[in-house]
Amino acid sequence: MSDLSILLQARLDRIRDDLNRQIPAEAQKLMHDSTQALIDSGQAAKACSEGEQIPVFSLANQNGAQVSVSELYGEGPLVVSFFRGFW
């Protein structure tokens, strides 16, 4: 692991810890229990791994236009982030 990776991981760990201090304990328990239920169901094992090519799909962009993953692959590396909600 490179020095930059180590520094980045340390920063991400601090951010996670700071955020966890702001989330009520009962909400944290619900999130952890839900995550464990997903793992136990076997669905988590079906998720794509880092570096793995995701299935082709299309979604609306911030302007409402449909954008296909296959189109974006042609522009270079692709990062996809899914947000679970507003919390």
N, C-alpha and C. Protein backbone atom coordinates (compact mmCIF):
# COMPACT_ATOMS: atom_id res chain seq x y z
N MET A 1 0.86 -1.17 0.00
CA MET A 1 0.00 0.00 0.00
C MET A 1 0.90 1.24 0.00
N SER A 2 0.61 2.18 -0.87
CA SER A 2 1.44 3.38 -0.99
C SER A 2 1.19 4.34 0.16
N ASP A 3 2.13 5.29 0.34
CA ASP A 3 1.97 6.30 1.39
C ASP A 3 0.70 7.11 1.17
N LEU A 4 0.39 7.43 -0.09
CA LEU A 4 -0.82 8.19 -0.39
C LEU A 4 -2.07 7.40 -0.02
N SER A 5 -2.07 6.11 -0.30
CA SER A 5 -3.21 5.26 0.06
C SER A 5 -3.40 5.20 1.56
N ILE A 6 -2.31 5.11 2.28
CA ILE A 6 -2.37 5.06 3.75
C ILE A 6 -2.93 6.37 4.30
N LEU A 7 -2.48 7.50 3.76
CA LEU A 7 -2.98 8.80 4.21
C LEU A 7 -4.46 8.96 3.87
N LEU A 8 -4.84 8.55 2.68
CA LEU A 8 -6.24 8.64 2.28
C LEU A 8 -7.11 7.78 3.18
N GLN A 9 -6.68 6.55 3.46
CA GLN A 9 -7.46 5.66 4.31
C GLN A 9 -7.60 6.25 5.72
N ALA A 10 -6.53 6.84 6.24
CA ALA A 10 -6.59 7.46 7.56
C ALA A 10 -7.59 8.61 7.57
N ARG A 11 -7.60 9.40 6.51
CA ARG A 11 -8.54 10.52 6.43
C ARG A 11 -9.98 10.02 6.33
N LEU A 12 -10.19 9.00 5.52
CA LEU A 12 -11.53 8.42 5.40
C LEU A 12 -12.00 7.83 6.73
N ASP A 13 -11.10 7.20 7.45
CA ASP A 13 -11.44 6.64 8.76
C ASP A 13 -11.86 7.74 9.72
N ARG A 14 -11.15 8.88 9.71
CA ARG A 14 -11.50 10.01 10.59
C ARG A 14 -12.87 10.57 10.22
N ILE A 15 -13.13 10.71 8.92
CA ILE A 15 -14.43 11.22 8.47
C ILE A 15 -15.54 10.27 8.93
N ARG A 16 -15.34 8.96 8.73
CA ARG A 16 -16.33 7.97 9.16
C ARG A 16 -16.58 8.07 10.66
N ASP A 17 -15.52 8.16 11.43
CA ASP A 17 -15.67 8.24 12.88
C ASP A 17 -16.40 9.51 13.29
N ASP A 18 -16.08 10.63 12.66
CA ASP A 18 -16.77 11.89 12.96
C ASP A 18 -18.26 11.78 12.64
N LEU A 19 -18.58 11.20 11.50
CA LEU A 19 -19.99 11.04 11.12
C LEU A 19 -20.72 10.10 12.07
N ASN A 20 -20.07 9.02 12.46
CA ASN A 20 -20.69 8.06 13.38
C ASN A 20 -21.02 8.70 14.72
N ARG A 21 -20.22 9.65 15.16
CA ARG A 21 -20.51 10.34 16.42
C ARG A 21 -21.77 11.21 16.31
N GLN A 22 -22.16 11.56 15.09
CA GLN A 22 -23.33 12.41 14.88
C GLN A 22 -24.62 11.61 14.67
N ILE A 23 -24.51 10.33 14.44
CA ILE A 23 -25.68 9.49 14.18
C ILE A 23 -26.11 8.85 15.48
N PRO A 24 -27.40 8.98 15.86
CA PRO A 24 -27.88 8.36 17.10
C PRO A 24 -27.62 6.86 17.11
N ALA A 25 -27.38 6.32 18.29
CA ALA A 25 -27.04 4.90 18.44
C ALA A 25 -28.11 3.99 17.85
N GLU A 26 -29.40 4.33 18.04
CA GLU A 26 -30.46 3.46 17.51
C GLU A 26 -30.46 3.46 15.98
N ALA A 27 -30.11 4.58 15.36
CA ALA A 27 -30.02 4.64 13.90
C ALA A 27 -28.82 3.84 13.41
N GLN A 28 -27.70 3.92 14.13
CA GLN A 28 -26.52 3.14 13.76
C GLN A 28 -26.83 1.65 13.84
N LYS A 29 -27.55 1.24 14.91
CA LYS A 29 -27.89 -0.18 15.06
C LYS A 29 -28.77 -0.63 13.89
N LEU A 30 -29.75 0.19 13.51
CA LEU A 30 -30.62 -0.15 12.39
C LEU A 30 -29.82 -0.30 11.10
N MET A 31 -28.88 0.64 10.84
CA MET A 31 -28.06 0.56 9.63
C MET A 31 -27.18 -0.69 9.64
N HIS A 32 -26.56 -0.98 10.78
CA HIS A 32 -25.69 -2.17 10.87
C HIS A 32 -26.51 -3.46 10.74
N ASP A 33 -27.69 -3.50 11.39
CA ASP A 33 -28.54 -4.69 11.28
C ASP A 33 -29.02 -4.90 9.84
N SER A 34 -29.37 -3.81 9.16
CA SER A 34 -29.82 -3.91 7.77
C SER A 34 -28.69 -4.39 6.86
N THR A 35 -27.49 -3.88 7.09
CA THR A 35 -26.33 -4.32 6.32
C THR A 35 -26.07 -5.80 6.55
N GLN A 36 -26.15 -6.24 7.81
CA GLN A 36 -25.91 -7.65 8.12
C GLN A 36 -26.97 -8.54 7.48
N ALA A 37 -28.23 -8.07 7.46
CA ALA A 37 -29.30 -8.84 6.83
C ALA A 37 -29.04 -8.99 5.33
N LEU A 38 -28.52 -7.95 4.71
CA LEU A 38 -28.18 -8.01 3.29
C LEU A 38 -27.06 -9.03 3.05
N ILE A 39 -26.05 -8.99 3.90
CA ILE A 39 -24.95 -9.96 3.79
C ILE A 39 -25.47 -11.38 3.98
N ASP A 40 -26.29 -11.57 5.04
CA ASP A 40 -26.82 -12.90 5.34
C ASP A 40 -27.70 -13.44 4.22
N SER A 41 -28.38 -12.56 3.48
CA SER A 41 -29.27 -12.99 2.40
C SER A 41 -28.49 -13.49 1.17
N GLY A 42 -27.20 -13.18 1.12
CA GLY A 42 -26.39 -13.58 -0.02
C GLY A 42 -26.33 -12.52 -1.12
N GLN A 43 -27.13 -11.46 -1.00
CA GLN A 43 -27.16 -10.42 -2.03
C GLN A 43 -25.84 -9.65 -2.09
N ALA A 44 -25.22 -9.41 -0.96
CA ALA A 44 -23.97 -8.64 -0.93
C ALA A 44 -22.88 -9.35 -1.74
N ALA A 45 -22.90 -10.67 -1.74
CA ALA A 45 -21.88 -11.44 -2.47
C ALA A 45 -22.03 -11.27 -3.98
N LYS A 46 -23.22 -10.83 -4.42
CA LYS A 46 -23.46 -10.65 -5.85
C LYS A 46 -23.04 -9.26 -6.34
N ALA A 47 -22.65 -8.39 -5.43
CA ALA A 47 -22.27 -7.02 -5.80
C ALA A 47 -20.96 -7.02 -6.58
N CYS A 48 -20.80 -6.03 -7.45
CA CYS A 48 -19.55 -5.88 -8.20
C CYS A 48 -18.42 -5.52 -7.24
N SER A 49 -17.24 -5.95 -7.57
CA SER A 49 -16.05 -5.63 -6.79
C SER A 49 -15.31 -4.48 -7.43
N GLU A 50 -14.44 -3.86 -6.67
CA GLU A 50 -13.60 -2.78 -7.20
C GLU A 50 -12.84 -3.27 -8.42
N GLY A 51 -12.90 -2.49 -9.49
CA GLY A 51 -12.19 -2.82 -10.71
C GLY A 51 -12.97 -3.70 -11.67
N GLU A 52 -14.06 -4.29 -11.21
CA GLU A 52 -14.89 -5.14 -12.05
C GLU A 52 -15.79 -4.28 -12.93
N GLN A 53 -15.99 -4.68 -14.16
CA GLN A 53 -16.86 -3.93 -15.06
C GLN A 53 -18.31 -4.19 -14.68
N ILE A 54 -19.06 -3.12 -14.53
CA ILE A 54 -20.46 -3.24 -14.14
C ILE A 54 -21.32 -3.54 -15.35
N PRO A 55 -22.51 -4.10 -15.12
CA PRO A 55 -23.42 -4.36 -16.24
C PRO A 55 -23.80 -3.04 -16.91
N VAL A 56 -24.11 -3.10 -18.18
CA VAL A 56 -24.51 -1.90 -18.93
C VAL A 56 -25.93 -1.52 -18.52
N PHE A 57 -26.11 -0.24 -18.21
CA PHE A 57 -27.43 0.29 -17.90
C PHE A 57 -27.44 1.77 -18.23
N SER A 58 -28.62 2.36 -18.26
CA SER A 58 -28.78 3.79 -18.51
C SER A 58 -29.55 4.42 -17.36
N LEU A 59 -29.19 5.64 -17.03
CA LEU A 59 -29.88 6.42 -16.00
C LEU A 59 -29.95 7.87 -16.45
N ALA A 60 -30.87 8.60 -15.86
CA ALA A 60 -30.97 10.03 -16.16
C ALA A 60 -29.84 10.77 -15.44
N ASN A 61 -29.23 11.72 -16.13
CA ASN A 61 -28.20 12.55 -15.50
C ASN A 61 -28.87 13.73 -14.78
N GLN A 62 -28.07 14.65 -14.27
CA GLN A 62 -28.60 15.78 -13.51
C GLN A 62 -29.50 16.69 -14.34
N ASN A 63 -29.42 16.57 -15.66
CA ASN A 63 -30.27 17.38 -16.55
C ASN A 63 -31.47 16.59 -17.09
N GLY A 64 -31.60 15.34 -16.66
CA GLY A 64 -32.72 14.52 -17.11
C GLY A 64 -32.46 13.73 -18.38
N ALA A 65 -31.31 13.91 -19.01
CA ALA A 65 -30.99 13.17 -20.24
C ALA A 65 -30.50 11.76 -19.88
N GLN A 66 -30.92 10.77 -20.66
CA GLN A 66 -30.49 9.40 -20.44
C GLN A 66 -29.01 9.24 -20.84
N VAL A 67 -28.25 8.62 -19.97
CA VAL A 67 -26.83 8.37 -20.23
C VAL A 67 -26.57 6.89 -20.00
N SER A 68 -25.93 6.26 -20.96
CA SER A 68 -25.60 4.84 -20.87
C SER A 68 -24.19 4.65 -20.34
N VAL A 69 -24.03 3.65 -19.51
CA VAL A 69 -22.71 3.33 -18.99
C VAL A 69 -21.75 3.03 -20.13
N SER A 70 -22.23 2.36 -21.17
CA SER A 70 -21.35 2.02 -22.29
C SER A 70 -20.81 3.28 -22.97
N GLU A 71 -21.61 4.36 -23.02
CA GLU A 71 -21.13 5.63 -23.58
C GLU A 71 -20.02 6.21 -22.70
N LEU A 72 -20.21 6.11 -21.40
CA LEU A 72 -19.24 6.70 -20.47
C LEU A 72 -17.92 5.94 -20.45
N TYR A 73 -17.97 4.63 -20.69
CA TYR A 73 -16.73 3.85 -20.74
C TYR A 73 -15.76 4.41 -21.78
N GLY A 74 -16.28 4.92 -22.87
CA GLY A 74 -15.45 5.46 -23.94
C GLY A 74 -14.73 6.74 -23.56
N GLU A 75 -15.18 7.38 -22.47
CA GLU A 75 -14.57 8.64 -22.04
C GLU A 75 -13.45 8.44 -21.03
N GLY A 76 -13.24 7.22 -20.58
CA GLY A 76 -12.18 6.95 -19.61
C GLY A 76 -12.72 6.22 -18.40
N PRO A 77 -11.91 6.15 -17.32
CA PRO A 77 -12.34 5.44 -16.11
C PRO A 77 -13.67 6.00 -15.59
N LEU A 78 -14.45 5.13 -15.00
CA LEU A 78 -15.78 5.49 -14.55
C LEU A 78 -15.93 5.18 -13.07
N VAL A 79 -16.43 6.14 -12.32
CA VAL A 79 -16.74 5.94 -10.90
C VAL A 79 -18.25 6.09 -10.75
N VAL A 80 -18.87 5.08 -10.16
CA VAL A 80 -20.32 5.11 -9.93
C VAL A 80 -20.55 5.09 -8.44
N SER A 81 -21.34 6.02 -7.96
CA SER A 81 -21.65 6.11 -6.54
C SER A 81 -23.16 6.07 -6.36
N PHE A 82 -23.63 5.22 -5.48
CA PHE A 82 -25.04 5.12 -5.19
C PHE A 82 -25.31 5.66 -3.80
N PHE A 83 -26.25 6.58 -3.70
CA PHE A 83 -26.61 7.16 -2.41
C PHE A 83 -27.86 6.47 -1.89
N ARG A 84 -27.85 6.09 -0.63
CA ARG A 84 -28.97 5.35 -0.04
C ARG A 84 -30.08 6.27 0.46
N GLY A 85 -29.82 7.55 0.53
CA GLY A 85 -30.88 8.44 1.02
C GLY A 85 -30.30 9.72 1.58
N PHE A 86 -31.15 10.48 2.18
CA PHE A 86 -30.76 11.77 2.74
C PHE A 86 -30.65 11.66 4.25
N TRP A 87 -29.54 11.15 4.71
CA TRP A 87 -29.28 11.08 6.15
C TRP A 87 -27.86 11.28 6.39
